[in-house]
């Protein structure tokens, strides 16, 4: 069992920056990958960025060059640094972890970007 707690969301002006954190606890061994998804108003949940245990990263085209995913293994935490935010980045952001083929999700955290 894995528990995920997101933090760092809020309201920011377009062009601003925000950093999301996701702290994992419980059965955190054997986690091969973790990432961030988001769901905007009236939209489906889409992948934003992922990072593997080896450090490989992947980003959605819409956030490349603006967002950076990273992790701190000592703190069991994954981060999403979001720069040059746009109104279309407004969404609920969800932390995701896969362990032995099972998906675990955080409760979600709201990011609102005003234009």
N, C-alpha and C. Protein backbone atom coordinates (compact mmCIF):
# COMPACT_ATOMS: atom_id res chain seq x y z
N UNK A 1 0.84 -1.19 0.00
CA UNK A 1 0.00 0.00 0.00
C UNK A 1 0.88 1.24 0.00
N UNK A 2 0.53 2.20 -0.85
CA UNK A 2 1.26 3.45 -0.98
C UNK A 2 0.30 4.61 -0.74
N UNK A 3 0.73 5.54 0.08
CA UNK A 3 -0.02 6.77 0.30
C UNK A 3 0.74 7.94 -0.29
N UNK A 4 0.02 8.82 -0.99
CA UNK A 4 0.62 9.96 -1.66
C UNK A 4 -0.07 11.24 -1.20
N UNK A 5 0.72 12.23 -0.82
CA UNK A 5 0.19 13.50 -0.37
C UNK A 5 0.83 14.62 -1.17
N UNK A 6 0.00 15.36 -1.92
CA UNK A 6 0.48 16.47 -2.73
C UNK A 6 0.41 17.78 -1.95
N UNK A 7 1.29 18.70 -2.29
CA UNK A 7 1.28 20.03 -1.70
C UNK A 7 1.89 21.01 -2.69
N UNK A 8 1.67 22.31 -2.44
CA UNK A 8 2.30 23.34 -3.25
C UNK A 8 1.41 24.00 -4.28
N UNK A 9 0.16 23.59 -4.39
CA UNK A 9 -0.73 24.21 -5.35
C UNK A 9 -1.19 25.57 -4.89
N UNK A 10 -1.95 26.24 -5.75
CA UNK A 10 -2.46 27.55 -5.41
C UNK A 10 -2.78 28.38 -6.62
N UNK A 11 -2.87 29.68 -6.41
CA UNK A 11 -3.20 30.64 -7.45
C UNK A 11 -1.96 31.43 -7.85
N UNK A 12 -1.74 31.55 -9.15
CA UNK A 12 -0.58 32.28 -9.65
C UNK A 12 -0.94 33.00 -10.94
N UNK A 13 -0.28 34.12 -11.18
CA UNK A 13 -0.48 34.87 -12.42
C UNK A 13 0.20 34.17 -13.58
N UNK A 14 -0.34 34.35 -14.78
CA UNK A 14 0.30 33.82 -15.97
C UNK A 14 1.73 34.33 -16.06
N UNK A 15 2.64 33.42 -16.42
CA UNK A 15 4.05 33.75 -16.46
C UNK A 15 4.79 33.45 -15.18
N UNK A 16 4.06 33.16 -14.12
CA UNK A 16 4.66 32.87 -12.84
C UNK A 16 5.09 31.43 -12.70
N UNK A 17 5.54 31.08 -11.50
CA UNK A 17 6.06 29.75 -11.22
C UNK A 17 5.42 29.16 -9.98
N UNK A 18 5.44 27.83 -9.92
CA UNK A 18 4.89 27.11 -8.79
C UNK A 18 5.60 25.77 -8.73
N UNK A 19 5.80 25.24 -7.52
CA UNK A 19 6.40 23.92 -7.37
C UNK A 19 5.49 23.01 -6.58
N UNK A 20 5.15 21.88 -7.18
CA UNK A 20 4.34 20.88 -6.52
C UNK A 20 5.23 19.81 -5.91
N UNK A 21 4.82 19.29 -4.76
CA UNK A 21 5.53 18.21 -4.10
C UNK A 21 4.58 17.05 -3.85
N UNK A 22 5.11 15.85 -3.90
CA UNK A 22 4.34 14.65 -3.61
C UNK A 22 5.17 13.76 -2.72
N UNK A 23 4.74 13.59 -1.48
CA UNK A 23 5.43 12.76 -0.51
C UNK A 23 4.79 11.38 -0.45
N UNK A 24 5.60 10.34 -0.61
CA UNK A 24 5.11 8.97 -0.59
C UNK A 24 5.44 8.31 0.74
N UNK A 25 4.53 7.48 1.20
CA UNK A 25 4.75 6.72 2.42
C UNK A 25 4.09 5.36 2.29
N UNK A 26 4.38 4.47 3.23
CA UNK A 26 3.85 3.12 3.19
C UNK A 26 4.83 2.17 2.53
N UNK A 27 4.33 1.34 1.65
CA UNK A 27 5.15 0.37 0.93
C UNK A 27 5.78 1.04 -0.28
N UNK A 28 6.87 1.75 -0.06
CA UNK A 28 7.47 2.56 -1.11
C UNK A 28 8.65 1.87 -1.80
N UNK A 29 8.92 0.63 -1.42
CA UNK A 29 9.96 -0.12 -2.12
C UNK A 29 9.44 -0.58 -3.48
N UNK A 30 10.36 -0.86 -4.39
CA UNK A 30 10.04 -1.42 -5.71
C UNK A 30 9.19 -0.51 -6.58
N UNK A 31 9.22 0.78 -6.32
CA UNK A 31 8.54 1.74 -7.18
C UNK A 31 9.43 2.02 -8.38
N UNK A 32 8.92 1.71 -9.57
CA UNK A 32 9.72 1.84 -10.79
C UNK A 32 9.58 3.19 -11.46
N UNK A 33 8.42 3.83 -11.26
CA UNK A 33 8.20 5.11 -11.89
C UNK A 33 7.17 5.90 -11.10
N UNK A 34 7.23 7.20 -11.22
CA UNK A 34 6.26 8.08 -10.61
C UNK A 34 6.07 9.28 -11.52
N UNK A 35 4.95 9.96 -11.37
CA UNK A 35 4.71 11.09 -12.25
C UNK A 35 3.55 11.95 -11.81
N UNK A 36 3.25 12.91 -12.67
CA UNK A 36 2.17 13.84 -12.45
C UNK A 36 1.20 13.81 -13.61
N UNK A 37 -0.08 13.81 -13.30
CA UNK A 37 -1.16 13.94 -14.27
C UNK A 37 -1.97 15.18 -13.91
N UNK A 38 -2.80 15.63 -14.85
CA UNK A 38 -3.66 16.75 -14.54
C UNK A 38 -4.99 16.61 -15.26
N UNK A 39 -6.00 17.23 -14.69
CA UNK A 39 -7.34 17.22 -15.26
C UNK A 39 -7.91 18.62 -15.18
N UNK A 40 -8.05 19.27 -16.34
CA UNK A 40 -8.62 20.60 -16.41
C UNK A 40 -10.13 20.55 -16.42
N UNK A 41 -10.77 21.72 -16.32
CA UNK A 41 -12.25 21.78 -16.33
C UNK A 41 -12.83 21.17 -17.60
N UNK A 42 -13.70 20.20 -17.44
CA UNK A 42 -14.35 19.56 -18.57
C UNK A 42 -13.45 18.69 -19.42
N UNK A 43 -12.27 18.34 -18.93
CA UNK A 43 -11.32 17.54 -19.69
C UNK A 43 -10.99 16.24 -18.96
N UNK A 44 -10.36 15.32 -19.69
CA UNK A 44 -9.93 14.07 -19.10
C UNK A 44 -8.58 14.24 -18.42
N UNK A 45 -8.22 13.24 -17.62
CA UNK A 45 -6.94 13.28 -16.93
C UNK A 45 -5.82 12.88 -17.90
N UNK A 46 -4.83 13.74 -18.05
CA UNK A 46 -3.73 13.52 -18.98
C UNK A 46 -2.39 13.52 -18.27
N UNK A 47 -1.45 12.81 -18.84
CA UNK A 47 -0.09 12.76 -18.31
C UNK A 47 0.61 14.09 -18.50
N UNK A 48 1.33 14.53 -17.47
CA UNK A 48 2.13 15.75 -17.53
C UNK A 48 3.61 15.41 -17.64
N UNK A 49 4.11 14.59 -16.70
CA UNK A 49 5.51 14.23 -16.68
C UNK A 49 5.71 12.97 -15.85
N UNK A 50 6.73 12.19 -16.20
CA UNK A 50 7.07 10.99 -15.45
C UNK A 50 8.58 10.93 -15.23
N UNK A 51 8.98 10.20 -14.21
CA UNK A 51 10.39 9.95 -13.94
C UNK A 51 10.53 8.52 -13.45
N UNK A 52 11.51 7.79 -13.98
CA UNK A 52 11.73 6.41 -13.59
C UNK A 52 12.73 6.34 -12.44
N UNK A 53 12.86 5.14 -11.89
CA UNK A 53 13.82 4.92 -10.81
C UNK A 53 15.25 5.15 -11.27
N UNK A 54 15.49 5.02 -12.57
CA UNK A 54 16.80 5.27 -13.14
C UNK A 54 17.04 6.74 -13.46
N UNK A 55 16.01 7.56 -13.33
CA UNK A 55 16.15 8.99 -13.56
C UNK A 55 15.71 9.47 -14.92
N UNK A 56 15.21 8.58 -15.78
CA UNK A 56 14.73 9.00 -17.09
C UNK A 56 13.43 9.77 -16.95
N UNK A 57 13.29 10.84 -17.73
CA UNK A 57 12.11 11.69 -17.65
C UNK A 57 11.38 11.74 -18.98
N UNK A 58 10.09 12.03 -18.91
CA UNK A 58 9.26 12.18 -20.08
C UNK A 58 8.23 13.27 -19.81
N UNK A 59 7.97 14.11 -20.82
CA UNK A 59 7.06 15.23 -20.65
C UNK A 59 6.04 15.29 -21.76
N UNK A 60 4.85 15.77 -21.42
CA UNK A 60 3.88 16.09 -22.45
C UNK A 60 4.40 17.25 -23.28
N UNK A 61 4.07 17.25 -24.57
CA UNK A 61 4.56 18.31 -25.46
C UNK A 61 4.16 19.70 -24.97
N UNK A 62 3.01 19.81 -24.35
CA UNK A 62 2.50 21.10 -23.93
C UNK A 62 3.30 21.73 -22.78
N UNK A 63 4.11 20.94 -22.08
CA UNK A 63 4.86 21.46 -20.94
C UNK A 63 6.37 21.40 -21.12
N UNK A 64 6.84 20.84 -22.23
CA UNK A 64 8.27 20.74 -22.47
C UNK A 64 8.92 22.12 -22.47
N UNK A 65 10.04 22.22 -21.78
CA UNK A 65 10.75 23.48 -21.68
C UNK A 65 10.26 24.39 -20.58
N UNK A 66 9.11 24.06 -19.99
CA UNK A 66 8.54 24.88 -18.92
C UNK A 66 8.49 24.15 -17.58
N UNK A 67 8.21 22.86 -17.61
CA UNK A 67 8.08 22.06 -16.39
C UNK A 67 9.28 21.14 -16.23
N UNK A 68 9.66 20.88 -14.99
CA UNK A 68 10.75 19.96 -14.69
C UNK A 68 10.33 19.03 -13.56
N UNK A 69 10.43 17.73 -13.80
CA UNK A 69 10.13 16.74 -12.77
C UNK A 69 11.44 16.26 -12.16
N UNK A 70 11.44 16.06 -10.85
CA UNK A 70 12.62 15.58 -10.16
C UNK A 70 12.19 14.80 -8.92
N UNK A 71 13.14 14.17 -8.28
CA UNK A 71 12.82 13.42 -7.07
C UNK A 71 13.94 13.50 -6.05
N UNK A 72 13.57 13.30 -4.80
CA UNK A 72 14.52 13.23 -3.69
C UNK A 72 14.27 11.89 -3.02
N UNK A 73 15.10 10.91 -3.33
CA UNK A 73 14.89 9.56 -2.82
C UNK A 73 14.98 9.49 -1.29
N UNK A 74 15.84 10.32 -0.70
CA UNK A 74 15.99 10.32 0.75
C UNK A 74 14.70 10.77 1.45
N UNK A 75 13.95 11.65 0.80
CA UNK A 75 12.70 12.16 1.37
C UNK A 75 11.47 11.47 0.80
N UNK A 76 11.69 10.51 -0.11
CA UNK A 76 10.58 9.81 -0.77
C UNK A 76 9.59 10.79 -1.39
N UNK A 77 10.13 11.77 -2.08
CA UNK A 77 9.32 12.86 -2.60
C UNK A 77 9.65 13.13 -4.07
N UNK A 78 8.61 13.40 -4.85
CA UNK A 78 8.77 13.80 -6.23
C UNK A 78 8.25 15.23 -6.38
N UNK A 79 8.91 16.01 -7.22
CA UNK A 79 8.57 17.41 -7.40
C UNK A 79 8.21 17.71 -8.85
N UNK A 80 7.42 18.74 -9.02
CA UNK A 80 7.14 19.27 -10.35
C UNK A 80 7.32 20.78 -10.30
N UNK A 81 8.41 21.26 -10.88
CA UNK A 81 8.67 22.69 -10.97
C UNK A 81 7.99 23.21 -12.22
N UNK A 82 7.09 24.16 -12.07
CA UNK A 82 6.32 24.69 -13.17
C UNK A 82 6.67 26.16 -13.37
N UNK A 83 7.24 26.48 -14.52
CA UNK A 83 7.61 27.84 -14.86
C UNK A 83 6.81 28.32 -16.07
N UNK A 84 6.80 29.62 -16.27
CA UNK A 84 6.10 30.23 -17.40
C UNK A 84 4.68 29.70 -17.52
N UNK A 85 3.97 29.70 -16.42
CA UNK A 85 2.63 29.12 -16.38
C UNK A 85 1.66 29.87 -17.28
N UNK A 86 0.76 29.11 -17.90
CA UNK A 86 -0.26 29.64 -18.78
C UNK A 86 -1.64 29.33 -18.22
N UNK A 87 -2.63 30.06 -18.69
CA UNK A 87 -3.99 29.84 -18.22
C UNK A 87 -4.44 28.40 -18.47
N UNK A 88 -3.99 27.81 -19.58
CA UNK A 88 -4.38 26.45 -19.90
C UNK A 88 -3.75 25.40 -19.00
N UNK A 89 -2.81 25.81 -18.13
CA UNK A 89 -2.25 24.90 -17.15
C UNK A 89 -3.17 24.73 -15.94
N UNK A 90 -4.20 25.53 -15.85
CA UNK A 90 -5.16 25.43 -14.75
C UNK A 90 -5.78 24.04 -14.74
N UNK A 91 -5.66 23.35 -13.61
CA UNK A 91 -6.15 21.98 -13.51
C UNK A 91 -5.95 21.47 -12.09
N UNK A 92 -6.55 20.33 -11.82
CA UNK A 92 -6.21 19.57 -10.62
C UNK A 92 -5.07 18.64 -10.99
N UNK A 93 -3.99 18.71 -10.25
CA UNK A 93 -2.81 17.89 -10.53
C UNK A 93 -2.76 16.71 -9.57
N UNK A 94 -2.50 15.52 -10.13
CA UNK A 94 -2.48 14.29 -9.36
C UNK A 94 -1.12 13.63 -9.42
N UNK A 95 -0.61 13.25 -8.28
CA UNK A 95 0.62 12.46 -8.20
C UNK A 95 0.28 11.00 -8.45
N UNK A 96 1.14 10.31 -9.19
CA UNK A 96 0.90 8.92 -9.53
C UNK A 96 2.16 8.08 -9.30
N UNK A 97 1.96 6.89 -8.75
CA UNK A 97 3.05 5.94 -8.52
C UNK A 97 2.59 4.57 -8.99
N UNK A 98 3.47 3.83 -9.63
CA UNK A 98 3.20 2.46 -10.04
C UNK A 98 4.13 1.52 -9.29
N UNK A 99 3.56 0.57 -8.58
CA UNK A 99 4.31 -0.43 -7.83
C UNK A 99 3.74 -1.79 -8.13
N UNK A 100 4.54 -2.66 -8.71
CA UNK A 100 4.14 -4.01 -9.09
C UNK A 100 2.87 -4.00 -9.93
N UNK A 101 2.80 -3.08 -10.86
CA UNK A 101 1.69 -3.01 -11.79
C UNK A 101 0.43 -2.36 -11.26
N UNK A 102 0.44 -1.87 -10.03
CA UNK A 102 -0.72 -1.25 -9.43
C UNK A 102 -0.53 0.26 -9.37
N UNK A 103 -1.53 1.00 -9.80
CA UNK A 103 -1.50 2.45 -9.77
C UNK A 103 -1.99 3.00 -8.44
N UNK A 104 -1.26 3.96 -7.90
CA UNK A 104 -1.65 4.67 -6.70
C UNK A 104 -1.74 6.15 -7.03
N UNK A 105 -2.76 6.82 -6.48
CA UNK A 105 -3.02 8.22 -6.79
C UNK A 105 -3.13 9.06 -5.54
N UNK A 106 -2.64 10.29 -5.63
CA UNK A 106 -2.90 11.27 -4.59
C UNK A 106 -4.31 11.80 -4.72
N UNK A 107 -4.72 12.62 -3.76
CA UNK A 107 -6.07 13.18 -3.77
C UNK A 107 -6.24 14.27 -4.84
N UNK A 108 -5.15 14.84 -5.29
CA UNK A 108 -5.18 15.91 -6.26
C UNK A 108 -5.02 17.26 -5.59
N UNK A 109 -4.38 18.19 -6.29
CA UNK A 109 -4.17 19.53 -5.77
C UNK A 109 -4.43 20.54 -6.89
N UNK A 110 -5.15 21.60 -6.55
CA UNK A 110 -5.60 22.56 -7.55
C UNK A 110 -4.53 23.61 -7.85
N UNK A 111 -4.29 23.81 -9.14
CA UNK A 111 -3.43 24.89 -9.62
C UNK A 111 -4.28 25.79 -10.50
N UNK A 112 -4.35 27.07 -10.15
CA UNK A 112 -5.13 28.03 -10.92
C UNK A 112 -4.20 29.12 -11.44
N UNK A 113 -4.20 29.31 -12.75
CA UNK A 113 -3.37 30.33 -13.38
C UNK A 113 -4.28 31.39 -13.96
N UNK A 114 -4.16 32.61 -13.48
CA UNK A 114 -4.98 33.71 -13.95
C UNK A 114 -4.31 34.41 -15.12
N UNK A 115 -5.10 34.82 -16.10
CA UNK A 115 -4.57 35.48 -17.29
C UNK A 115 -4.79 36.98 -17.24
